[in-house]
Amino acid sequence: MRVVAKPKASLFDNGKLVAPRAIPKHVQILKEAPEESTGAEGAPGGVLGGVPGGTLGGVLGGILSSGNPPVPPPKPVKSNGPVRVGGRVQAPALVRRVNPIYPPLAKATHTQGTVVLDCIIDRHGNITQMKLVSGQPLLVQAAFAAVQQWKYQPTLLNGSPVAVEMHVTVIFQLGNG
């Protein structure tokens, strides 16, 4: 009589985990032995692997700064560029608005729409730069010409005037200009 050894089933194929082909009849449960204590205990209720005498509920001043002086937080960077309107920075108040002249070709073709410009307003309230964001091509030049003449109240940040960047919207409707 010849005894043939049954090959051991493996859950790996070329290093990748694969599903078993059949459900095993017996599953062996492994129990791990508890780790032995070295005698140096941390804070009661602390995290395993923490620092001896550590802080309950966290690793404040733990592993990263043990033996090293604390690193101070970085100083805020002061930007010389314009501040984007939004959040706590409010849009400046419009002091003088010049209505755009409706282009004759746009009138003849009954073109209406909205032109959105990204503008930089200096610390004196003057528009210094404009960039097209979106808009009907027949209306863009008229919007640029009008907005260039607009004047804003200076925007204050911590009590001093600052340049701001914001979107300006010009609406063109037939019958309004």
Foldseek 3Di string as FASTA:
>chain_A
DDDDDDDDDDQDDPRDGHDDPDDDPDDDDDDDDDDDDPPQDDDVCDDPPWDRPADHPDQVCTDVNVVHDDDDDDDDDDDQDAAEDDDPFHDFAWDDFFAFDQDPVCVVVQNWFKWKWKFKAALQFATDDIDTDDDDVSCVVRVVVGNNPIGTHFGDDPRGGGIHIYMDMHTGHPPPD
